């Protein structure tokens, strides 16, 4: 009887140690991931009070564009209807105003000859699917960095960032929302 009590006590002791070690590993991993995510968010934070979009990756040089520049230095699309479909098959449309991304790349002359695609990156760490430059070049006014939706600045809405990467459904008829992003802070080029 004593022997079985001793075995049970040993088992419980080893189990408690294992649970404690597992707890320490989980807490350590959680802290590590939190620090990593904070560093990523800080990567996109700008000390300036004005929003800045960074173009980086496979580029000749990195480019930073302020919201003011976005509204004045590049070809604009004003109040154009964009159509969307999500992975559930829901469809809708909104009117957007913004800068034509292809014009930004051309005027900044920042793309390398072997650059083939890009994606939007958001301040909440969301990234869109990659978009081919060849598709954007053929349809430049269908891909925007938008700053207004339905005539209103997007910064005033609590769940929307002040700049969105917008792609019209006609470029991706089956599901285009995975190529768009809210809260855009960067464009990564590949």
N, C-alpha and C. Protein backbone atom coordinates (compact mmCIF):
# COMPACT_ATOMS: atom_id res chain seq x y z
N UNK A 1 0.81 -1.19 0.00
CA UNK A 1 0.00 0.00 0.00
C UNK A 1 0.86 1.26 0.00
N UNK A 2 1.88 1.24 0.84
CA UNK A 2 2.80 2.37 0.90
C UNK A 2 3.49 2.59 -0.43
N UNK A 3 3.81 1.46 -1.08
CA UNK A 3 4.51 1.53 -2.37
C UNK A 3 3.63 2.22 -3.42
N UNK A 4 2.36 1.90 -3.47
CA UNK A 4 1.48 2.53 -4.46
C UNK A 4 1.25 4.01 -4.13
N UNK A 5 1.18 4.37 -2.83
CA UNK A 5 1.05 5.78 -2.45
C UNK A 5 2.29 6.54 -2.89
N UNK A 6 3.44 5.91 -2.73
CA UNK A 6 4.70 6.55 -3.12
C UNK A 6 4.75 6.76 -4.62
N UNK A 7 4.27 5.76 -5.41
CA UNK A 7 4.25 5.89 -6.87
C UNK A 7 3.29 7.00 -7.32
N UNK A 8 2.15 7.06 -6.67
CA UNK A 8 1.18 8.11 -7.00
C UNK A 8 1.78 9.48 -6.69
N UNK A 9 2.42 9.60 -5.54
CA UNK A 9 3.05 10.86 -5.15
C UNK A 9 4.14 11.24 -6.14
N UNK A 10 4.95 10.26 -6.56
CA UNK A 10 5.99 10.50 -7.57
C UNK A 10 5.39 10.97 -8.89
N UNK A 11 4.32 10.26 -9.31
CA UNK A 11 3.66 10.62 -10.56
C UNK A 11 3.12 12.04 -10.51
N UNK A 12 2.43 12.39 -9.44
CA UNK A 12 1.87 13.73 -9.31
C UNK A 12 2.96 14.78 -9.27
N UNK A 13 4.06 14.46 -8.62
CA UNK A 13 5.18 15.40 -8.55
C UNK A 13 5.76 15.63 -9.94
N UNK A 14 5.98 14.56 -10.70
CA UNK A 14 6.52 14.68 -12.06
C UNK A 14 5.51 15.39 -12.97
N UNK A 15 4.24 15.10 -12.81
CA UNK A 15 3.21 15.75 -13.61
C UNK A 15 3.17 17.25 -13.33
N UNK A 16 3.26 17.62 -12.06
CA UNK A 16 3.25 19.04 -11.70
C UNK A 16 4.47 19.76 -12.26
N UNK A 17 5.62 19.11 -12.23
CA UNK A 17 6.83 19.71 -12.80
C UNK A 17 6.65 19.88 -14.31
N UNK A 18 6.09 18.87 -14.95
CA UNK A 18 5.86 18.96 -16.40
C UNK A 18 4.88 20.08 -16.73
N UNK A 19 3.83 20.20 -15.96
CA UNK A 19 2.86 21.27 -16.18
C UNK A 19 3.53 22.62 -15.98
N UNK A 20 4.34 22.75 -14.95
CA UNK A 20 5.04 24.01 -14.69
C UNK A 20 5.98 24.37 -15.84
N UNK A 21 6.74 23.39 -16.32
CA UNK A 21 7.66 23.63 -17.43
C UNK A 21 6.89 24.05 -18.68
N UNK A 22 5.79 23.37 -18.96
CA UNK A 22 4.96 23.73 -20.10
C UNK A 22 4.40 25.15 -19.95
N UNK A 23 3.98 25.50 -18.74
CA UNK A 23 3.48 26.84 -18.45
C UNK A 23 4.57 27.89 -18.73
N UNK A 24 5.79 27.65 -18.29
CA UNK A 24 6.90 28.57 -18.51
C UNK A 24 7.18 28.72 -20.00
N UNK A 25 7.14 27.63 -20.75
CA UNK A 25 7.38 27.67 -22.20
C UNK A 25 6.30 28.51 -22.89
N UNK A 26 5.04 28.29 -22.52
CA UNK A 26 3.93 29.04 -23.14
C UNK A 26 4.05 30.52 -22.82
N UNK A 27 4.33 30.86 -21.57
CA UNK A 27 4.48 32.27 -21.19
C UNK A 27 5.66 32.89 -21.95
N UNK A 28 6.77 32.18 -22.04
CA UNK A 28 7.95 32.68 -22.76
C UNK A 28 7.64 32.92 -24.23
N UNK A 29 6.95 31.98 -24.84
CA UNK A 29 6.59 32.14 -26.26
C UNK A 29 5.64 33.32 -26.44
N UNK A 30 4.69 33.48 -25.55
CA UNK A 30 3.74 34.60 -25.64
C UNK A 30 4.46 35.93 -25.52
N UNK A 31 5.38 36.03 -24.59
CA UNK A 31 6.13 37.28 -24.42
C UNK A 31 6.98 37.54 -25.66
N UNK A 32 7.64 36.50 -26.17
CA UNK A 32 8.47 36.65 -27.37
C UNK A 32 7.66 37.11 -28.57
N UNK A 33 6.50 36.52 -28.78
CA UNK A 33 5.65 36.91 -29.91
C UNK A 33 5.11 38.32 -29.74
N UNK A 34 4.79 38.70 -28.52
CA UNK A 34 4.32 40.06 -28.26
C UNK A 34 5.41 41.08 -28.58
N UNK A 35 6.62 40.81 -28.15
CA UNK A 35 7.73 41.71 -28.44
C UNK A 35 7.97 41.80 -29.94
N UNK A 36 7.94 40.66 -30.63
CA UNK A 36 8.12 40.64 -32.08
C UNK A 36 7.05 41.50 -32.77
N UNK A 37 5.78 41.32 -32.38
CA UNK A 37 4.70 42.10 -33.00
C UNK A 37 4.83 43.58 -32.71
N UNK A 38 5.24 43.94 -31.51
CA UNK A 38 5.44 45.35 -31.19
C UNK A 38 6.55 45.95 -32.05
N UNK A 39 7.59 45.18 -32.31
CA UNK A 39 8.67 45.67 -33.17
C UNK A 39 8.17 45.87 -34.60
N UNK A 40 7.31 44.97 -35.09
CA UNK A 40 6.76 45.13 -36.44
C UNK A 40 5.89 46.37 -36.52
N UNK A 41 5.05 46.59 -35.51
CA UNK A 41 4.20 47.78 -35.51
C UNK A 41 5.07 49.03 -35.46
N UNK A 42 6.12 49.00 -34.64
CA UNK A 42 7.02 50.16 -34.53
C UNK A 42 7.72 50.44 -35.86
N UNK A 43 7.98 49.36 -36.62
CA UNK A 43 8.63 49.51 -37.93
C UNK A 43 7.84 50.46 -38.83
N UNK A 44 6.51 50.45 -38.68
CA UNK A 44 5.66 51.26 -39.53
C UNK A 44 5.23 52.58 -38.89
N UNK A 45 5.69 52.82 -37.68
CA UNK A 45 5.30 54.05 -36.99
C UNK A 45 6.21 55.17 -37.40
N UNK A 46 5.62 56.32 -37.68
CA UNK A 46 6.39 57.48 -38.10
C UNK A 46 6.25 58.55 -37.04
N UNK A 47 7.34 59.21 -36.68
CA UNK A 47 7.29 60.26 -35.67
C UNK A 47 6.48 61.45 -36.15
N UNK A 48 6.37 61.63 -37.44
CA UNK A 48 5.62 62.74 -38.00
C UNK A 48 4.14 62.55 -37.72
N UNK A 49 3.42 63.64 -37.62
CA UNK A 49 1.98 63.54 -37.39
C UNK A 49 1.25 63.18 -38.68
N UNK A 50 1.93 63.26 -39.81
CA UNK A 50 1.30 62.94 -41.09
C UNK A 50 1.58 61.48 -41.46
N UNK A 51 0.57 60.84 -41.99
CA UNK A 51 0.66 59.46 -42.44
C UNK A 51 1.68 59.36 -43.56
N UNK A 52 2.50 58.31 -43.53
CA UNK A 52 3.49 58.07 -44.57
C UNK A 52 3.37 56.64 -45.07
N UNK A 53 3.41 56.48 -46.38
CA UNK A 53 3.43 55.16 -47.01
C UNK A 53 4.86 54.89 -47.46
N UNK A 54 5.37 53.74 -47.10
CA UNK A 54 6.74 53.36 -47.46
C UNK A 54 6.69 52.32 -48.58
N UNK A 55 7.49 52.55 -49.63
CA UNK A 55 7.65 51.56 -50.70
C UNK A 55 9.05 50.98 -50.53
N UNK A 56 9.11 49.67 -50.35
CA UNK A 56 10.41 49.04 -50.08
C UNK A 56 10.45 47.63 -50.65
N UNK A 57 11.57 46.97 -50.49
CA UNK A 57 11.74 45.61 -50.99
C UNK A 57 12.67 45.60 -52.18
N UNK A 58 12.24 44.95 -53.26
CA UNK A 58 13.05 44.85 -54.48
C UNK A 58 12.91 46.14 -55.29
N UNK A 59 13.49 47.22 -54.75
CA UNK A 59 13.40 48.54 -55.37
C UNK A 59 14.79 49.14 -55.51
N UNK A 60 14.91 50.12 -56.42
CA UNK A 60 16.17 50.84 -56.59
C UNK A 60 16.49 51.63 -55.33
N UNK A 61 15.43 52.20 -54.75
CA UNK A 61 15.58 52.98 -53.52
C UNK A 61 14.22 52.97 -52.81
N UNK A 62 14.27 53.05 -51.49
CA UNK A 62 13.03 53.15 -50.73
C UNK A 62 12.41 54.52 -50.92
N UNK A 63 11.10 54.57 -50.91
CA UNK A 63 10.36 55.81 -51.10
C UNK A 63 9.37 55.95 -49.94
N UNK A 64 9.28 57.16 -49.40
CA UNK A 64 8.27 57.48 -48.39
C UNK A 64 7.38 58.58 -48.95
N UNK A 65 6.08 58.34 -48.92
CA UNK A 65 5.11 59.27 -49.50
C UNK A 65 4.13 59.69 -48.40
N UNK A 66 4.00 60.98 -48.20
CA UNK A 66 3.04 61.48 -47.21
C UNK A 66 1.64 61.51 -47.83
N UNK A 67 0.66 61.63 -46.97
CA UNK A 67 -0.72 61.73 -47.43
C UNK A 67 -0.91 62.98 -48.30
N UNK A 68 -0.25 64.07 -47.93
CA UNK A 68 -0.32 65.30 -48.71
C UNK A 68 0.23 65.07 -50.12
N UNK A 69 1.38 64.41 -50.22
CA UNK A 69 1.95 64.10 -51.53
C UNK A 69 1.05 63.17 -52.31
N UNK A 70 0.49 62.18 -51.63
CA UNK A 70 -0.39 61.21 -52.28
C UNK A 70 -1.56 61.93 -52.96
N UNK A 71 -2.06 62.98 -52.32
CA UNK A 71 -3.21 63.71 -52.86
C UNK A 71 -2.84 64.71 -53.95
N UNK A 72 -1.55 65.07 -54.06
CA UNK A 72 -1.21 66.16 -54.99
C UNK A 72 -0.19 65.81 -56.07
N UNK A 73 0.70 64.88 -55.81
CA UNK A 73 1.82 64.65 -56.72
C UNK A 73 1.59 63.57 -57.77
N UNK A 74 0.49 62.84 -57.68
CA UNK A 74 0.28 61.69 -58.56
C UNK A 74 -1.09 61.77 -59.23
N UNK A 75 -1.23 61.00 -60.32
CA UNK A 75 -2.52 60.94 -61.02
C UNK A 75 -3.61 60.53 -60.04
N UNK A 76 -4.72 61.26 -60.08
CA UNK A 76 -5.83 61.01 -59.17
C UNK A 76 -7.01 60.38 -59.89
N UNK A 77 -7.69 59.51 -59.18
CA UNK A 77 -8.99 59.00 -59.60
C UNK A 77 -9.97 59.55 -58.57
N UNK A 78 -11.00 60.23 -59.03
CA UNK A 78 -11.93 60.89 -58.12
C UNK A 78 -13.30 60.23 -58.19
N UNK A 79 -13.77 59.78 -57.04
CA UNK A 79 -15.12 59.25 -56.88
C UNK A 79 -15.48 58.18 -57.91
N UNK A 80 -14.56 57.24 -58.12
CA UNK A 80 -14.79 56.15 -59.07
C UNK A 80 -15.36 54.94 -58.34
N UNK A 81 -16.36 54.31 -58.95
CA UNK A 81 -17.00 53.14 -58.36
C UNK A 81 -16.09 51.92 -58.49
N UNK A 82 -15.85 51.26 -57.36
CA UNK A 82 -15.09 50.02 -57.31
C UNK A 82 -16.01 48.92 -56.80
N UNK A 83 -15.89 47.75 -57.41
CA UNK A 83 -16.73 46.61 -57.07
C UNK A 83 -15.90 45.56 -56.34
N UNK A 84 -16.55 44.88 -55.37
CA UNK A 84 -15.84 43.91 -54.53
C UNK A 84 -16.64 42.63 -54.39
N UNK A 85 -15.91 41.53 -54.18
CA UNK A 85 -16.52 40.25 -53.81
C UNK A 85 -15.57 39.59 -52.81
N UNK A 86 -16.14 39.07 -51.72
CA UNK A 86 -15.30 38.41 -50.72
C UNK A 86 -15.39 36.90 -50.85
N UNK A 87 -14.73 36.19 -49.95
CA UNK A 87 -14.67 34.73 -50.04
C UNK A 87 -16.00 34.06 -49.75
N UNK A 88 -16.98 34.79 -49.22
CA UNK A 88 -18.32 34.24 -48.99
C UNK A 88 -19.25 34.50 -50.16
N UNK A 89 -18.74 35.22 -51.17
CA UNK A 89 -19.55 35.54 -52.33
C UNK A 89 -20.37 36.82 -52.17
N UNK A 90 -20.19 37.51 -51.05
CA UNK A 90 -20.89 38.79 -50.86
C UNK A 90 -20.29 39.84 -51.78
N UNK A 91 -21.15 40.63 -52.40
CA UNK A 91 -20.69 41.67 -53.32
C UNK A 91 -21.19 43.02 -52.85
N UNK A 92 -20.44 44.07 -53.17
CA UNK A 92 -20.82 45.44 -52.87
C UNK A 92 -19.96 46.37 -53.70
N UNK A 93 -20.28 47.64 -53.63
CA UNK A 93 -19.48 48.65 -54.33
C UNK A 93 -19.42 49.90 -53.48
N UNK A 94 -18.35 50.65 -53.67
CA UNK A 94 -18.16 51.95 -53.03
C UNK A 94 -17.43 52.85 -54.02
N UNK A 95 -17.60 54.15 -53.88
CA UNK A 95 -16.87 55.12 -54.70
C UNK A 95 -15.61 55.55 -53.96
N UNK A 96 -14.48 55.47 -54.64
CA UNK A 96 -13.20 55.81 -54.03
C UNK A 96 -12.50 56.93 -54.79
N UNK A 97 -11.73 57.70 -54.03
CA UNK A 97 -10.81 58.69 -54.59
C UNK A 97 -9.44 58.35 -54.06
N UNK A 98 -8.43 58.44 -54.95
CA UNK A 98 -7.09 58.13 -54.51
C UNK A 98 -6.08 58.28 -55.63
N UNK A 99 -4.84 57.93 -55.30
CA UNK A 99 -3.74 58.03 -56.26
C UNK A 99 -3.57 56.70 -56.98
N UNK A 100 -3.29 56.79 -58.27
CA UNK A 100 -3.06 55.61 -59.11
C UNK A 100 -1.68 55.04 -58.77
N UNK A 101 -1.65 53.81 -58.33
CA UNK A 101 -0.38 53.20 -57.89
C UNK A 101 0.63 53.12 -59.02
N UNK A 102 0.18 52.79 -60.21
CA UNK A 102 1.12 52.68 -61.33
C UNK A 102 1.81 54.02 -61.58
N UNK A 103 1.09 55.13 -61.43
CA UNK A 103 1.68 56.45 -61.60
C UNK A 103 2.72 56.73 -60.50
N UNK A 104 2.44 56.27 -59.30
CA UNK A 104 3.41 56.44 -58.20
C UNK A 104 4.71 55.72 -58.54
N UNK A 105 4.61 54.47 -58.95
CA UNK A 105 5.82 53.71 -59.30
C UNK A 105 6.58 54.37 -60.45
N UNK A 106 5.87 54.86 -61.45
CA UNK A 106 6.52 55.51 -62.60
C UNK A 106 7.19 56.82 -62.21
N UNK A 107 6.48 57.68 -61.49
CA UNK A 107 7.05 58.98 -61.13
C UNK A 107 8.21 58.85 -60.15
N UNK A 108 8.14 57.90 -59.26
CA UNK A 108 9.22 57.70 -58.29
C UNK A 108 10.39 56.94 -58.89
N UNK A 109 10.16 56.27 -60.03
CA UNK A 109 11.20 55.49 -60.71
C UNK A 109 11.98 54.64 -59.70
N UNK A 110 11.25 53.88 -58.91
CA UNK A 110 11.87 53.11 -57.84
C UNK A 110 11.93 51.60 -58.10
N UNK A 111 11.27 51.13 -59.15
CA UNK A 111 11.24 49.69 -59.39
C UNK A 111 12.51 49.19 -60.06
N UNK A 112 12.98 48.05 -59.62
CA UNK A 112 14.08 47.38 -60.31
C UNK A 112 13.55 46.71 -61.57
N UNK A 113 14.42 46.49 -62.56
CA UNK A 113 13.95 45.83 -63.79
C UNK A 113 13.36 44.44 -63.55
N UNK A 114 13.80 43.76 -62.48
CA UNK A 114 13.30 42.41 -62.21
C UNK A 114 12.15 42.41 -61.19
N UNK A 115 11.62 43.57 -60.81
CA UNK A 115 10.46 43.63 -59.93
C UNK A 115 9.24 43.13 -60.69
N UNK A 116 8.49 42.22 -60.08
CA UNK A 116 7.35 41.61 -60.78
C UNK A 116 6.01 41.80 -60.08
N UNK A 117 6.04 42.06 -58.77
CA UNK A 117 4.78 42.11 -58.04
C UNK A 117 4.94 42.93 -56.76
N UNK A 118 3.82 43.23 -56.12
CA UNK A 118 3.84 43.96 -54.86
C UNK A 118 2.66 43.52 -54.01
N UNK A 119 2.68 43.94 -52.76
CA UNK A 119 1.54 43.71 -51.86
C UNK A 119 1.39 44.90 -50.92
N UNK A 120 0.19 45.08 -50.41
CA UNK A 120 -0.07 46.10 -49.43
C UNK A 120 0.21 45.55 -48.04
N UNK A 121 0.79 46.37 -47.17
CA UNK A 121 1.01 45.98 -45.78
C UNK A 121 0.32 47.01 -44.89
N UNK A 122 -0.37 46.53 -43.87
CA UNK A 122 -1.17 47.40 -43.01
C UNK A 122 -0.56 47.55 -41.63
N UNK A 123 -0.96 48.59 -40.94
CA UNK A 123 -0.45 48.84 -39.59
C UNK A 123 -0.87 47.76 -38.60
N UNK A 124 -1.94 47.03 -38.89
CA UNK A 124 -2.37 45.93 -38.02
C UNK A 124 -1.72 44.61 -38.41
N UNK A 125 -0.67 44.67 -39.25
CA UNK A 125 0.15 43.54 -39.71
C UNK A 125 -0.52 42.69 -40.78
N UNK A 126 -1.69 43.08 -41.25
CA UNK A 126 -2.32 42.36 -42.36
C UNK A 126 -1.52 42.64 -43.64
N UNK A 127 -1.40 41.63 -44.49
CA UNK A 127 -0.79 41.83 -45.81
C UNK A 127 -1.73 41.25 -46.86
N UNK A 128 -1.85 41.98 -47.96
CA UNK A 128 -2.69 41.50 -49.05
C UNK A 128 -1.94 40.43 -49.83
N UNK A 129 -2.64 39.79 -50.73
CA UNK A 129 -1.99 38.88 -51.67
C UNK A 129 -1.17 39.70 -52.66
N UNK A 130 -0.18 39.07 -53.28
CA UNK A 130 0.66 39.76 -54.26
C UNK A 130 -0.12 40.11 -55.52
N UNK A 131 0.19 41.28 -56.07
CA UNK A 131 -0.45 41.77 -57.29
C UNK A 131 0.64 41.95 -58.34
N UNK A 132 0.43 41.39 -59.52
CA UNK A 132 1.43 41.47 -60.59
C UNK A 132 1.46 42.88 -61.20
N UNK A 133 2.68 43.39 -61.44
CA UNK A 133 2.83 44.69 -62.07
C UNK A 133 2.23 44.70 -63.47
N UNK A 134 2.36 43.59 -64.19
CA UNK A 134 1.84 43.55 -65.56
C UNK A 134 0.33 43.79 -65.58
N UNK A 135 -0.37 43.28 -64.59
CA UNK A 135 -1.81 43.48 -64.50
C UNK A 135 -2.15 44.94 -64.19
N UNK A 136 -1.38 45.55 -63.30
CA UNK A 136 -1.60 46.95 -62.91
C UNK A 136 -1.25 47.88 -64.07
N UNK A 137 -0.19 47.57 -64.78
CA UNK A 137 0.24 48.41 -65.91
C UNK A 137 -0.86 48.46 -66.99
N UNK A 138 -1.53 47.33 -67.21
CA UNK A 138 -2.59 47.27 -68.22
C UNK A 138 -3.89 47.92 -67.75
N UNK A 139 -4.06 48.05 -66.42
CA UNK A 139 -5.30 48.59 -65.85
C UNK A 139 -4.98 49.58 -64.73
N UNK A 140 -4.25 50.64 -65.03
CA UNK A 140 -3.70 51.49 -63.96
C UNK A 140 -4.75 52.14 -63.06
N UNK A 141 -5.91 52.50 -63.59
CA UNK A 141 -6.89 53.22 -62.77
C UNK A 141 -7.76 52.29 -61.93
N UNK A 142 -7.43 51.00 -61.94
CA UNK A 142 -8.20 50.04 -61.15
C UNK A 142 -7.49 49.61 -59.87
N UNK A 143 -6.31 50.19 -59.62
CA UNK A 143 -5.55 49.90 -58.39
C UNK A 143 -5.11 51.23 -57.80
N UNK A 144 -5.62 51.52 -56.60
CA UNK A 144 -5.39 52.83 -55.99
C UNK A 144 -4.85 52.72 -54.57
N UNK A 145 -4.18 53.79 -54.16
CA UNK A 145 -4.02 54.08 -52.74
C UNK A 145 -5.10 55.11 -52.46
N UNK A 146 -6.19 54.67 -51.85
CA UNK A 146 -7.37 55.52 -51.69
C UNK A 146 -7.37 56.21 -50.33
N UNK A 147 -7.84 57.45 -50.34
CA UNK A 147 -7.94 58.22 -49.10
C UNK A 147 -9.36 58.71 -48.84
N UNK A 148 -10.28 58.48 -49.78
CA UNK A 148 -11.69 58.84 -49.58
C UNK A 148 -12.58 57.70 -50.07
N UNK A 149 -13.64 57.45 -49.31
CA UNK A 149 -14.66 56.49 -49.71
C UNK A 149 -16.01 57.19 -49.67
N UNK A 150 -16.72 57.11 -50.77
CA UNK A 150 -18.05 57.74 -50.86
C UNK A 150 -18.01 59.21 -50.44
N UNK A 151 -16.95 59.91 -50.87
CA UNK A 151 -16.83 61.34 -50.63
C UNK A 151 -16.35 61.73 -49.24
N UNK A 152 -16.02 60.76 -48.39
CA UNK A 152 -15.59 61.06 -47.02
C UNK A 152 -14.18 60.53 -46.78
N UNK A 153 -13.37 61.33 -46.07
CA UNK A 153 -12.02 60.88 -45.71
C UNK A 153 -12.14 59.64 -44.84
N UNK A 154 -11.31 58.64 -45.09
CA UNK A 154 -11.42 57.38 -44.36
C UNK A 154 -10.85 57.45 -42.95
N UNK A 155 -10.04 58.45 -42.65
CA UNK A 155 -9.45 58.55 -41.32
C UNK A 155 -10.47 58.77 -40.21
N UNK A 156 -11.65 59.26 -40.54
CA UNK A 156 -12.66 59.55 -39.53
C UNK A 156 -13.45 58.34 -39.06
N UNK A 157 -13.31 57.21 -39.74
CA UNK A 157 -14.06 56.03 -39.37
C UNK A 157 -13.21 55.16 -38.45
N UNK A 158 -13.77 54.69 -37.31
CA UNK A 158 -12.96 53.99 -36.32
C UNK A 158 -12.36 52.67 -36.80
N UNK A 159 -13.01 51.96 -37.71
CA UNK A 159 -12.48 50.67 -38.12
C UNK A 159 -11.73 50.72 -39.45
N UNK A 160 -11.48 51.92 -39.96
CA UNK A 160 -10.79 52.05 -41.24
C UNK A 160 -9.55 52.91 -41.08
N UNK A 161 -8.49 52.56 -41.77
CA UNK A 161 -7.30 53.39 -41.77
C UNK A 161 -7.49 54.54 -42.73
N UNK A 162 -6.64 55.56 -42.64
CA UNK A 162 -6.79 56.72 -43.52
C UNK A 162 -6.41 56.43 -44.97
N UNK A 163 -5.72 55.31 -45.23
CA UNK A 163 -5.35 54.95 -46.60
C UNK A 163 -5.64 53.46 -46.80
N UNK A 164 -6.31 53.18 -47.91
CA UNK A 164 -6.60 51.78 -48.25
C UNK A 164 -6.02 51.45 -49.61
N UNK A 165 -5.50 50.25 -49.75
CA UNK A 165 -5.09 49.73 -51.04
C UNK A 165 -6.30 49.08 -51.68
N UNK A 166 -6.74 49.61 -52.82
CA UNK A 166 -7.99 49.19 -53.44
C UNK A 166 -7.71 48.57 -54.81
N UNK A 167 -8.35 47.43 -55.06
CA UNK A 167 -8.24 46.74 -56.35
C UNK A 167 -9.65 46.42 -56.82
N UNK A 168 -10.01 46.84 -58.02
CA UNK A 168 -11.35 46.60 -58.54
C UNK A 168 -11.56 45.12 -58.86
N UNK A 169 -12.80 44.68 -58.69
CA UNK A 169 -13.16 43.28 -58.91
C UNK A 169 -12.87 42.82 -60.33
N UNK A 170 -12.91 43.71 -61.31
CA UNK A 170 -12.69 43.29 -62.69
C UNK A 170 -11.31 42.66 -62.89
N UNK A 171 -10.34 42.97 -62.02
CA UNK A 171 -9.02 42.36 -62.14
C UNK A 171 -8.97 40.96 -61.54
N UNK A 172 -9.80 40.70 -60.54
CA UNK A 172 -9.87 39.40 -59.87
C UNK A 172 -11.34 39.06 -59.66
N UNK A 173 -12.04 38.59 -60.71
CA UNK A 173 -13.50 38.44 -60.65
C UNK A 173 -14.01 37.47 -59.60
N UNK A 174 -13.21 36.47 -59.22
CA UNK A 174 -13.70 35.45 -58.30
C UNK A 174 -13.64 35.88 -56.83
N UNK A 175 -12.66 36.74 -56.50
CA UNK A 175 -12.49 37.10 -55.09
C UNK A 175 -11.41 38.16 -55.02
N UNK A 176 -11.78 39.42 -54.94
CA UNK A 176 -10.76 40.47 -54.98
C UNK A 176 -10.42 41.08 -53.62
N UNK A 177 -11.17 40.81 -52.57
CA UNK A 177 -10.88 41.46 -51.29
C UNK A 177 -9.55 41.01 -50.69
N UNK A 178 -9.03 39.86 -51.08
CA UNK A 178 -7.73 39.42 -50.54
C UNK A 178 -6.57 40.22 -51.14
N UNK A 179 -6.85 41.01 -52.16
CA UNK A 179 -5.82 41.85 -52.78
C UNK A 179 -5.91 43.30 -52.28
N UNK A 180 -6.86 43.59 -51.41
CA UNK A 180 -7.02 44.93 -50.87
C UNK A 180 -6.59 44.95 -49.41
N UNK A 181 -6.38 46.14 -48.87
CA UNK A 181 -5.99 46.25 -47.46
C UNK A 181 -6.42 47.60 -46.90
N UNK A 182 -6.83 47.58 -45.65
CA UNK A 182 -7.12 48.81 -44.90
C UNK A 182 -5.87 49.17 -44.10
N UNK A 183 -5.80 50.37 -43.60
CA UNK A 183 -4.70 50.81 -42.73
C UNK A 183 -3.33 50.68 -43.40
N UNK A 184 -3.23 50.90 -44.71
CA UNK A 184 -1.98 50.67 -45.43
C UNK A 184 -0.89 51.63 -44.96
N UNK A 185 0.28 51.06 -44.66
CA UNK A 185 1.45 51.85 -44.26
C UNK A 185 2.66 51.57 -45.15
N UNK A 186 2.57 50.49 -45.95
CA UNK A 186 3.71 50.15 -46.79
C UNK A 186 3.25 49.35 -48.01
N UNK A 187 4.09 49.43 -49.04
CA UNK A 187 3.95 48.58 -50.22
C UNK A 187 5.26 47.85 -50.37
N UNK A 188 5.20 46.53 -50.28
CA UNK A 188 6.41 45.73 -50.44
C UNK A 188 6.48 45.22 -51.86
N UNK A 189 7.63 45.44 -52.49
CA UNK A 189 7.85 45.06 -53.88
C UNK A 189 8.71 43.81 -53.92
N UNK A 190 8.36 42.89 -54.82
CA UNK A 190 9.11 41.64 -55.00
C UNK A 190 9.65 41.58 -56.40
